[in-house]
Amino acid sequence: MEYEVLGWPSEGPTLRLDHRQFAYAGKFVMSNTGKVVVRDANAEILGAIAFNEDRTDPDTVWIRYITVRKDRRGEGIGARLAAYTTARAHDYGYERIVIAVNNPFAYHALSKAGFGFTGERTGLAELVLEHPSNRTRYREGLTVFRDRDLSEAERSFLDVKENTGPPSVVKPPD
């Protein structure tokens, strides 16, 4: 797989994704966010991230959207893409990378990318995760999701993770 920063927020990159294959596809057309993609050996996009600088803290970047092609979900692509994006953002000079997630699958994937629950919530039922983090609040975040109206798949996932610690962190791709 090949990872690439298409541009930083100030550069105004845009990206067209097929809305039938990618969640949030319309959000990637906007030019006010930076974009990172991962492609397969045939140069087809498998996943993408959109991010922007925090309005009040120039040392912080917010990951706004992560999307993985529908037929490739569950392969760890999102976690590796988040780890790559985070490493590049730190290289670029950002000290803190933040994301808000609203489901246990995204929460777990971002934990694999080295993010940890801050204890904060934002928006409509979103938990705030940050990098760098010591990830000691992993189970606390899972507990927050337990109190919600969940799908059967989400409830089963939480049952499996109930007595576990945070997952191993994936190495950011070069």
N, C-alpha and C. Protein backbone atom coordinates (compact mmCIF):
# COMPACT_ATOMS: atom_id res chain seq x y z
N MET A 1 0.85 -1.18 0.00
CA MET A 1 0.00 0.00 0.00
C MET A 1 0.88 1.23 0.00
N GLU A 2 0.37 2.28 -0.61
CA GLU A 2 1.10 3.55 -0.68
C GLU A 2 0.29 4.63 0.03
N TYR A 3 0.94 5.34 0.94
CA TYR A 3 0.32 6.41 1.70
C TYR A 3 0.84 7.74 1.19
N GLU A 4 -0.05 8.74 1.14
CA GLU A 4 0.36 10.04 0.62
C GLU A 4 -0.43 11.17 1.26
N VAL A 5 0.28 12.21 1.66
CA VAL A 5 -0.36 13.46 2.08
C VAL A 5 -0.65 14.22 0.79
N LEU A 6 -1.92 14.42 0.48
CA LEU A 6 -2.27 15.16 -0.74
C LEU A 6 -2.09 16.66 -0.55
N GLY A 7 -2.14 17.11 0.70
CA GLY A 7 -1.95 18.52 0.99
C GLY A 7 -2.39 18.85 2.40
N TRP A 8 -1.83 19.93 2.90
CA TRP A 8 -2.17 20.44 4.24
C TRP A 8 -3.35 21.39 4.10
N PRO A 9 -4.05 21.69 5.20
CA PRO A 9 -5.25 22.53 5.10
C PRO A 9 -5.01 23.85 4.35
N SER A 10 -3.89 24.50 4.58
CA SER A 10 -3.62 25.78 3.93
C SER A 10 -3.43 25.65 2.42
N GLU A 11 -3.17 24.44 1.96
CA GLU A 11 -2.97 24.20 0.52
C GLU A 11 -4.27 23.92 -0.22
N GLY A 12 -5.34 23.69 0.52
CA GLY A 12 -6.66 23.52 -0.07
C GLY A 12 -6.86 22.32 -0.97
N PRO A 13 -6.32 21.15 -0.61
CA PRO A 13 -6.53 20.00 -1.50
C PRO A 13 -7.99 19.54 -1.49
N THR A 14 -8.42 18.97 -2.59
CA THR A 14 -9.75 18.37 -2.67
C THR A 14 -9.59 16.93 -3.15
N LEU A 15 -10.62 16.15 -2.93
CA LEU A 15 -10.58 14.74 -3.30
C LEU A 15 -11.99 14.29 -3.61
N ARG A 16 -12.17 13.66 -4.76
CA ARG A 16 -13.48 13.11 -5.11
C ARG A 16 -13.48 11.60 -4.84
N LEU A 17 -14.41 11.19 -4.00
CA LEU A 17 -14.58 9.78 -3.67
C LEU A 17 -15.97 9.35 -4.09
N ASP A 18 -16.11 8.10 -4.46
CA ASP A 18 -17.40 7.54 -4.85
C ASP A 18 -18.26 7.36 -3.59
N HIS A 19 -19.36 8.08 -3.52
CA HIS A 19 -20.23 8.03 -2.34
C HIS A 19 -20.84 6.64 -2.11
N ARG A 20 -20.84 5.80 -3.12
CA ARG A 20 -21.37 4.44 -2.94
C ARG A 20 -20.36 3.54 -2.24
N GLN A 21 -19.09 3.92 -2.29
CA GLN A 21 -18.02 3.11 -1.71
C GLN A 21 -17.45 3.68 -0.41
N PHE A 22 -17.59 5.00 -0.21
CA PHE A 22 -16.96 5.66 0.93
C PHE A 22 -17.97 6.49 1.71
N ALA A 23 -18.00 6.29 3.02
CA ALA A 23 -18.80 7.15 3.89
C ALA A 23 -18.17 8.54 3.88
N TYR A 24 -18.97 9.56 4.09
CA TYR A 24 -18.51 10.95 4.17
C TYR A 24 -17.86 11.45 2.87
N ALA A 25 -18.11 10.82 1.74
CA ALA A 25 -17.44 11.18 0.49
C ALA A 25 -17.55 12.67 0.18
N GLY A 26 -18.69 13.26 0.42
CA GLY A 26 -18.88 14.68 0.12
C GLY A 26 -18.00 15.61 0.94
N LYS A 27 -17.56 15.17 2.10
CA LYS A 27 -16.72 16.01 2.96
C LYS A 27 -15.31 16.18 2.40
N PHE A 28 -14.89 15.29 1.52
CA PHE A 28 -13.53 15.34 0.99
C PHE A 28 -13.40 16.27 -0.21
N VAL A 29 -14.52 16.73 -0.76
CA VAL A 29 -14.50 17.66 -1.88
C VAL A 29 -14.13 19.07 -1.39
N MET A 30 -14.45 19.37 -0.15
CA MET A 30 -14.18 20.70 0.41
C MET A 30 -12.67 20.96 0.47
N SER A 31 -12.30 22.21 0.27
CA SER A 31 -10.88 22.56 0.21
C SER A 31 -10.33 23.14 1.51
N ASN A 32 -11.11 23.14 2.58
CA ASN A 32 -10.63 23.74 3.83
C ASN A 32 -9.99 22.73 4.78
N THR A 33 -9.77 21.51 4.31
CA THR A 33 -9.12 20.49 5.13
C THR A 33 -7.96 19.87 4.38
N GLY A 34 -6.96 19.41 5.14
CA GLY A 34 -5.88 18.64 4.56
C GLY A 34 -6.40 17.25 4.24
N LYS A 35 -5.69 16.55 3.36
CA LYS A 35 -6.13 15.21 2.97
C LYS A 35 -4.94 14.25 2.92
N VAL A 36 -5.19 13.02 3.36
CA VAL A 36 -4.22 11.93 3.27
C VAL A 36 -4.97 10.74 2.70
N VAL A 37 -4.30 9.97 1.82
CA VAL A 37 -4.93 8.79 1.23
C VAL A 37 -4.00 7.59 1.34
N VAL A 38 -4.59 6.42 1.21
CA VAL A 38 -3.84 5.18 1.05
C VAL A 38 -4.38 4.51 -0.21
N ARG A 39 -3.44 4.03 -1.05
CA ARG A 39 -3.81 3.39 -2.31
C ARG A 39 -3.29 1.95 -2.33
N ASP A 40 -3.96 1.12 -3.13
CA ASP A 40 -3.50 -0.25 -3.32
C ASP A 40 -2.47 -0.29 -4.45
N ALA A 41 -2.03 -1.47 -4.81
CA ALA A 41 -1.01 -1.64 -5.85
C ALA A 41 -1.48 -1.14 -7.21
N ASN A 42 -2.79 -1.03 -7.41
CA ASN A 42 -3.35 -0.52 -8.68
C ASN A 42 -3.64 0.97 -8.63
N ALA A 43 -3.15 1.64 -7.59
CA ALA A 43 -3.33 3.09 -7.38
C ALA A 43 -4.79 3.46 -7.08
N GLU A 44 -5.60 2.49 -6.68
CA GLU A 44 -6.97 2.80 -6.29
C GLU A 44 -7.01 3.18 -4.82
N ILE A 45 -7.76 4.21 -4.51
CA ILE A 45 -7.85 4.68 -3.12
C ILE A 45 -8.62 3.66 -2.28
N LEU A 46 -8.03 3.30 -1.16
CA LEU A 46 -8.66 2.38 -0.20
C LEU A 46 -9.22 3.13 1.00
N GLY A 47 -8.62 4.28 1.32
CA GLY A 47 -9.05 5.05 2.47
C GLY A 47 -8.54 6.47 2.39
N ALA A 48 -9.18 7.36 3.17
CA ALA A 48 -8.79 8.76 3.16
C ALA A 48 -9.09 9.38 4.52
N ILE A 49 -8.34 10.43 4.82
CA ILE A 49 -8.53 11.21 6.04
C ILE A 49 -8.57 12.69 5.66
N ALA A 50 -9.49 13.42 6.28
CA ALA A 50 -9.55 14.88 6.17
C ALA A 50 -9.28 15.46 7.56
N PHE A 51 -8.49 16.54 7.61
CA PHE A 51 -8.11 17.12 8.90
C PHE A 51 -7.93 18.62 8.76
N ASN A 52 -8.02 19.34 9.88
CA ASN A 52 -7.76 20.76 9.87
C ASN A 52 -7.15 21.22 11.20
N GLU A 53 -6.54 22.40 11.16
CA GLU A 53 -5.92 22.97 12.35
C GLU A 53 -7.01 23.43 13.32
N ASP A 54 -6.75 23.28 14.60
CA ASP A 54 -7.66 23.77 15.63
C ASP A 54 -7.75 25.29 15.53
N ARG A 55 -8.94 25.85 15.65
CA ARG A 55 -9.12 27.30 15.52
C ARG A 55 -8.48 28.09 16.66
N THR A 56 -8.31 27.47 17.82
CA THR A 56 -7.78 28.20 18.97
C THR A 56 -6.37 27.78 19.37
N ASP A 57 -5.87 26.70 18.80
CA ASP A 57 -4.54 26.20 19.16
C ASP A 57 -3.79 25.77 17.91
N PRO A 58 -2.87 26.60 17.43
CA PRO A 58 -2.16 26.28 16.18
C PRO A 58 -1.24 25.06 16.28
N ASP A 59 -1.02 24.53 17.49
CA ASP A 59 -0.20 23.33 17.66
C ASP A 59 -1.02 22.05 17.62
N THR A 60 -2.34 22.19 17.43
CA THR A 60 -3.25 21.04 17.44
C THR A 60 -3.94 20.90 16.08
N VAL A 61 -4.04 19.67 15.62
CA VAL A 61 -4.79 19.37 14.40
C VAL A 61 -5.91 18.39 14.77
N TRP A 62 -7.07 18.59 14.16
CA TRP A 62 -8.23 17.73 14.35
C TRP A 62 -8.42 16.85 13.12
N ILE A 63 -8.48 15.55 13.32
CA ILE A 63 -8.89 14.65 12.25
C ILE A 63 -10.41 14.73 12.22
N ARG A 64 -10.96 15.12 11.08
CA ARG A 64 -12.41 15.32 10.97
C ARG A 64 -13.13 14.09 10.42
N TYR A 65 -12.55 13.46 9.42
CA TYR A 65 -13.20 12.31 8.79
C TYR A 65 -12.17 11.27 8.42
N ILE A 66 -12.50 10.02 8.70
CA ILE A 66 -11.73 8.87 8.22
C ILE A 66 -12.72 7.99 7.49
N THR A 67 -12.37 7.58 6.30
CA THR A 67 -13.23 6.68 5.55
C THR A 67 -12.39 5.59 4.89
N VAL A 68 -12.92 4.39 4.91
CA VAL A 68 -12.28 3.25 4.26
C VAL A 68 -13.30 2.66 3.30
N ARG A 69 -12.85 2.26 2.12
CA ARG A 69 -13.75 1.69 1.12
C ARG A 69 -14.53 0.53 1.73
N LYS A 70 -15.83 0.47 1.46
CA LYS A 70 -16.73 -0.50 2.09
C LYS A 70 -16.22 -1.94 2.02
N ASP A 71 -15.69 -2.34 0.88
CA ASP A 71 -15.26 -3.73 0.74
C ASP A 71 -13.92 -4.04 1.40
N ARG A 72 -13.30 -3.03 2.02
CA ARG A 72 -12.00 -3.24 2.67
C ARG A 72 -12.05 -2.93 4.18
N ARG A 73 -13.22 -2.68 4.71
CA ARG A 73 -13.34 -2.40 6.14
C ARG A 73 -13.01 -3.65 6.95
N GLY A 74 -12.46 -3.44 8.14
CA GLY A 74 -12.12 -4.55 9.02
C GLY A 74 -10.74 -5.12 8.79
N GLU A 75 -9.97 -4.53 7.89
CA GLU A 75 -8.62 -5.02 7.59
C GLU A 75 -7.52 -4.23 8.30
N GLY A 76 -7.89 -3.24 9.10
CA GLY A 76 -6.89 -2.43 9.79
C GLY A 76 -6.37 -1.26 8.98
N ILE A 77 -6.98 -1.01 7.83
CA ILE A 77 -6.54 0.08 6.96
C ILE A 77 -6.73 1.43 7.66
N GLY A 78 -7.86 1.62 8.31
CA GLY A 78 -8.13 2.89 8.99
C GLY A 78 -7.14 3.18 10.10
N ALA A 79 -6.79 2.17 10.89
CA ALA A 79 -5.82 2.36 11.98
C ALA A 79 -4.45 2.72 11.42
N ARG A 80 -4.01 2.02 10.39
CA ARG A 80 -2.70 2.32 9.80
C ARG A 80 -2.69 3.69 9.12
N LEU A 81 -3.79 4.06 8.48
CA LEU A 81 -3.90 5.37 7.86
C LEU A 81 -3.88 6.47 8.92
N ALA A 82 -4.55 6.25 10.03
CA ALA A 82 -4.53 7.23 11.13
C ALA A 82 -3.13 7.34 11.73
N ALA A 83 -2.43 6.21 11.88
CA ALA A 83 -1.06 6.24 12.41
C ALA A 83 -0.14 6.99 11.45
N TYR A 84 -0.30 6.76 10.15
CA TYR A 84 0.52 7.47 9.16
C TYR A 84 0.24 8.98 9.21
N THR A 85 -1.03 9.35 9.20
CA THR A 85 -1.43 10.76 9.23
C THR A 85 -0.90 11.44 10.48
N THR A 86 -1.00 10.76 11.61
CA THR A 86 -0.53 11.31 12.87
C THR A 86 0.97 11.54 12.85
N ALA A 87 1.72 10.57 12.35
CA ALA A 87 3.18 10.71 12.26
C ALA A 87 3.55 11.88 11.35
N ARG A 88 2.87 12.01 10.20
CA ARG A 88 3.17 13.12 9.28
C ARG A 88 2.81 14.46 9.92
N ALA A 89 1.70 14.52 10.64
CA ALA A 89 1.29 15.77 11.29
C ALA A 89 2.31 16.18 12.36
N HIS A 90 2.80 15.21 13.13
CA HIS A 90 3.85 15.52 14.11
C HIS A 90 5.12 16.00 13.40
N ASP A 91 5.49 15.33 12.31
CA ASP A 91 6.66 15.76 11.52
C ASP A 91 6.49 17.18 11.01
N TYR A 92 5.26 17.54 10.67
CA TYR A 92 4.95 18.87 10.12
C TYR A 92 5.02 19.95 11.19
N GLY A 93 4.98 19.52 12.47
CA GLY A 93 5.11 20.48 13.56
C GLY A 93 3.94 20.54 14.53
N TYR A 94 2.89 19.79 14.27
CA TYR A 94 1.77 19.77 15.22
C TYR A 94 2.15 18.92 16.42
N GLU A 95 1.85 19.43 17.61
CA GLU A 95 2.19 18.71 18.84
C GLU A 95 1.10 17.73 19.24
N ARG A 96 -0.14 18.06 18.95
CA ARG A 96 -1.27 17.27 19.43
C ARG A 96 -2.22 17.00 18.26
N ILE A 97 -2.64 15.75 18.14
CA ILE A 97 -3.61 15.34 17.12
C ILE A 97 -4.85 14.86 17.88
N VAL A 98 -6.03 15.32 17.46
CA VAL A 98 -7.27 15.03 18.18
C VAL A 98 -8.32 14.53 17.19
N ILE A 99 -9.17 13.65 17.69
CA ILE A 99 -10.31 13.17 16.91
C ILE A 99 -11.46 12.87 17.87
N ALA A 100 -12.70 13.06 17.40
CA ALA A 100 -13.89 12.69 18.15
C ALA A 100 -14.53 11.51 17.44
N VAL A 101 -14.83 10.45 18.17
CA VAL A 101 -15.42 9.24 17.58
C VAL A 101 -16.77 8.96 18.22
N ASN A 102 -17.66 8.33 17.44
CA ASN A 102 -19.01 8.09 17.95
C ASN A 102 -19.42 6.62 17.96
N ASN A 103 -18.46 5.71 17.77
CA ASN A 103 -18.81 4.30 17.82
C ASN A 103 -17.61 3.49 18.32
N PRO A 104 -17.85 2.31 18.89
CA PRO A 104 -16.76 1.53 19.48
C PRO A 104 -15.76 1.00 18.46
N PHE A 105 -16.18 0.80 17.21
CA PHE A 105 -15.24 0.31 16.19
C PHE A 105 -14.19 1.37 15.88
N ALA A 106 -14.63 2.61 15.68
CA ALA A 106 -13.69 3.71 15.44
C ALA A 106 -12.82 3.95 16.67
N TYR A 107 -13.42 3.85 17.84
CA TYR A 107 -12.67 4.03 19.09
C TYR A 107 -11.51 3.03 19.17
N HIS A 108 -11.79 1.78 18.88
CA HIS A 108 -10.78 0.73 18.94
C HIS A 108 -9.70 0.94 17.86
N ALA A 109 -10.12 1.28 16.65
CA ALA A 109 -9.17 1.51 15.56
C ALA A 109 -8.22 2.67 15.90
N LEU A 110 -8.76 3.74 16.45
CA LEU A 110 -7.90 4.87 16.82
C LEU A 110 -6.99 4.53 17.99
N SER A 111 -7.45 3.64 18.87
CA SER A 111 -6.58 3.17 19.95
C SER A 111 -5.40 2.40 19.36
N LYS A 112 -5.64 1.64 18.30
CA LYS A 112 -4.56 0.92 17.61
C LYS A 112 -3.57 1.89 16.98
N ALA A 113 -4.03 3.08 16.64
CA ALA A 113 -3.17 4.10 16.05
C ALA A 113 -2.45 4.92 17.12
N GLY A 114 -2.64 4.55 18.39
CA GLY A 114 -1.92 5.23 19.47
C GLY A 114 -2.69 6.34 20.16
N PHE A 115 -3.95 6.51 19.83
CA PHE A 115 -4.78 7.55 20.46
C PHE A 115 -5.33 7.04 21.78
N GLY A 116 -5.62 7.96 22.70
CA GLY A 116 -6.20 7.60 23.97
C GLY A 116 -7.35 8.53 24.33
N PHE A 117 -8.30 8.00 25.07
CA PHE A 117 -9.48 8.75 25.52
C PHE A 117 -9.05 9.82 26.50
N THR A 118 -9.52 11.06 26.27
CA THR A 118 -9.18 12.18 27.15
C THR A 118 -10.13 12.32 28.33
N GLY A 119 -11.27 11.62 28.27
CA GLY A 119 -12.31 11.80 29.28
C GLY A 119 -13.32 12.85 28.85
N GLU A 120 -13.04 13.55 27.76
CA GLU A 120 -13.93 14.60 27.25
C GLU A 120 -14.90 14.02 26.22
N ARG A 121 -16.03 14.72 26.09
CA ARG A 121 -17.01 14.39 25.06
C ARG A 121 -17.34 15.67 24.31
N THR A 122 -17.74 15.52 23.07
CA THR A 122 -18.08 16.69 22.27
C THR A 122 -19.18 16.30 21.28
N GLY A 123 -19.79 17.30 20.71
CA GLY A 123 -20.80 17.04 19.70
C GLY A 123 -21.90 16.13 20.21
N LEU A 124 -22.47 15.39 19.32
CA LEU A 124 -23.55 14.48 19.66
C LEU A 124 -22.96 13.10 19.93
N ALA A 125 -22.72 12.81 21.19
CA ALA A 125 -22.27 11.48 21.62
C ALA A 125 -20.89 11.09 21.10
N GLU A 126 -19.97 12.03 21.03
CA GLU A 126 -18.62 11.73 20.55
C GLU A 126 -17.62 11.79 21.70
N LEU A 127 -16.72 10.82 21.72
CA LEU A 127 -15.63 10.78 22.70
C LEU A 127 -14.38 11.38 22.05
N VAL A 128 -13.67 12.21 22.80
CA VAL A 128 -12.48 12.87 22.27
C VAL A 128 -11.25 12.02 22.59
N LEU A 129 -10.48 11.71 21.57
CA LEU A 129 -9.23 10.96 21.70
C LEU A 129 -8.10 11.87 21.25
N GLU A 130 -6.89 11.64 21.82
CA GLU A 130 -5.76 12.47 21.43
C GLU A 130 -4.49 11.64 21.29
N HIS A 131 -3.56 12.22 20.54
CA HIS A 131 -2.22 11.66 20.36
C HIS A 131 -1.25 12.81 20.51
N PRO A 132 -0.20 12.69 21.30
CA PRO A 132 0.17 11.49 22.05
C PRO A 132 -0.72 11.28 23.27
N SER A 133 -0.73 10.04 23.74
CA SER A 133 -1.53 9.66 24.89
C SER A 133 -0.92 8.43 25.54
N ASN A 134 -1.19 8.28 26.83
CA ASN A 134 -0.72 7.06 27.51
C ASN A 134 -1.74 5.92 27.42
N ARG A 135 -2.92 6.19 26.89
CA ARG A 135 -3.98 5.21 26.62
C ARG A 135 -4.49 4.47 27.85
N THR A 136 -4.29 5.03 29.05
CA THR A 136 -4.72 4.35 30.27
C THR A 136 -6.24 4.36 30.47
N ARG A 137 -6.96 5.17 29.71
CA ARG A 137 -8.41 5.27 29.89
C ARG A 137 -9.19 4.45 28.85
N TYR A 138 -8.55 3.50 28.22
CA TYR A 138 -9.18 2.72 27.16
C TYR A 138 -10.51 2.11 27.61
N ARG A 139 -10.50 1.39 28.70
CA ARG A 139 -11.72 0.72 29.17
C ARG A 139 -12.78 1.72 29.60
N GLU A 140 -12.37 2.87 30.11
CA GLU A 140 -13.33 3.91 30.49
C GLU A 140 -14.16 4.35 29.27
N GLY A 141 -13.49 4.52 28.13
CA GLY A 141 -14.19 4.88 26.91
C GLY A 141 -15.15 3.81 26.45
N LEU A 142 -14.73 2.55 26.55
CA LEU A 142 -15.62 1.45 26.17
C LEU A 142 -16.88 1.46 27.04
N THR A 143 -16.72 1.77 28.32
CA THR A 143 -17.85 1.83 29.24
C THR A 143 -18.85 2.90 28.83
N VAL A 144 -18.35 4.03 28.34
CA VAL A 144 -19.25 5.09 27.88
C VAL A 144 -20.14 4.57 26.75
N PHE A 145 -19.57 3.81 25.83
CA PHE A 145 -20.36 3.27 24.73
C PHE A 145 -21.42 2.27 25.22
N ARG A 146 -21.14 1.54 26.28
CA ARG A 146 -22.08 0.54 26.80
C ARG A 146 -23.42 1.15 27.20
N ASP A 147 -23.41 2.43 27.58
CA ASP A 147 -24.62 3.10 28.04
C ASP A 147 -25.48 3.62 26.90
N ARG A 148 -25.16 3.26 25.68
CA ARG A 148 -25.86 3.78 24.51
C ARG A 148 -26.74 2.72 23.86
N ASP A 149 -27.60 3.18 22.97
CA ASP A 149 -28.42 2.28 22.16
C ASP A 149 -27.51 1.75 21.05
N LEU A 150 -27.11 0.50 21.15
CA LEU A 150 -26.11 -0.07 20.25
C LEU A 150 -26.70 -1.11 19.31
N SER A 151 -26.04 -1.30 18.19
CA SER A 151 -26.40 -2.39 17.29
C SER A 151 -25.92 -3.70 17.93
N GLU A 152 -26.41 -4.81 17.43
CA GLU A 152 -25.98 -6.11 17.94
C GLU A 152 -24.48 -6.29 17.71
N ALA A 153 -23.97 -5.84 16.57
CA ALA A 153 -22.54 -5.96 16.27
C ALA A 153 -21.71 -5.13 17.26
N GLU A 154 -22.17 -3.94 17.59
CA GLU A 154 -21.44 -3.09 18.55
C GLU A 154 -21.46 -3.72 19.95
N ARG A 155 -22.62 -4.24 20.36
CA ARG A 155 -22.72 -4.86 21.68
C ARG A 155 -21.81 -6.10 21.76
N SER A 156 -21.80 -6.91 20.74
CA SER A 156 -20.93 -8.10 20.71
C SER A 156 -19.46 -7.69 20.76
N PHE A 157 -19.12 -6.67 20.03
CA PHE A 157 -17.75 -6.17 20.02
C PHE A 157 -17.33 -5.73 21.43
N LEU A 158 -18.20 -4.98 22.09
CA LEU A 158 -17.90 -4.52 23.46
C LEU A 158 -17.81 -5.70 24.43
N ASP A 159 -18.63 -6.71 24.25
CA ASP A 159 -18.55 -7.89 25.11
C ASP A 159 -17.18 -8.56 24.99
N VAL A 160 -16.67 -8.66 23.78
CA VAL A 160 -15.35 -9.27 23.55
C VAL A 160 -14.25 -8.43 24.19
N LYS A 161 -14.38 -7.12 24.14
CA LYS A 161 -13.33 -6.21 24.63
C LYS A 161 -13.46 -5.86 26.11
N GLU A 162 -14.52 -6.32 26.77
CA GLU A 162 -14.85 -5.90 28.13
C GLU A 162 -13.69 -6.00 29.12
N ASN A 163 -12.96 -7.08 29.12
CA ASN A 163 -11.90 -7.27 30.11
C ASN A 163 -10.50 -7.19 29.52
N THR A 164 -10.38 -6.46 28.43
CA THR A 164 -9.07 -6.33 27.80
C THR A 164 -8.52 -4.92 27.99
N GLY A 165 -7.24 -4.79 27.81
CA GLY A 165 -6.62 -3.47 27.82
C GLY A 165 -6.58 -2.93 26.41
N PRO A 166 -5.92 -1.80 26.24
CA PRO A 166 -5.85 -1.23 24.90
C PRO A 166 -5.12 -2.16 23.94
N PRO A 167 -5.48 -2.11 22.67
CA PRO A 167 -4.82 -2.98 21.69
C PRO A 167 -3.37 -2.53 21.45
N SER A 168 -2.59 -3.40 20.87
CA SER A 168 -1.23 -3.03 20.48
C SER A 168 -1.28 -1.92 19.46
N VAL A 169 -0.31 -1.03 19.53
CA VAL A 169 -0.25 0.10 18.61
C VAL A 169 0.43 -0.34 17.32
N VAL A 170 -0.19 0.02 16.19
CA VAL A 170 0.42 -0.31 14.89
C VAL A 170 1.54 0.67 14.59
N LYS A 171 2.54 0.18 13.90
CA LYS A 171 3.65 1.04 13.49
C LYS A 171 3.20 1.88 12.30
N PRO A 172 3.45 3.20 12.33
CA PRO A 172 3.05 4.02 11.19
C PRO A 172 3.80 3.58 9.92
N PRO A 173 3.08 3.41 8.82
CA PRO A 173 3.77 3.07 7.56
C PRO A 173 4.70 4.21 7.16
N ASP A 174 5.75 3.87 6.44
CA ASP A 174 6.69 4.90 5.97
C ASP A 174 6.15 5.66 4.80
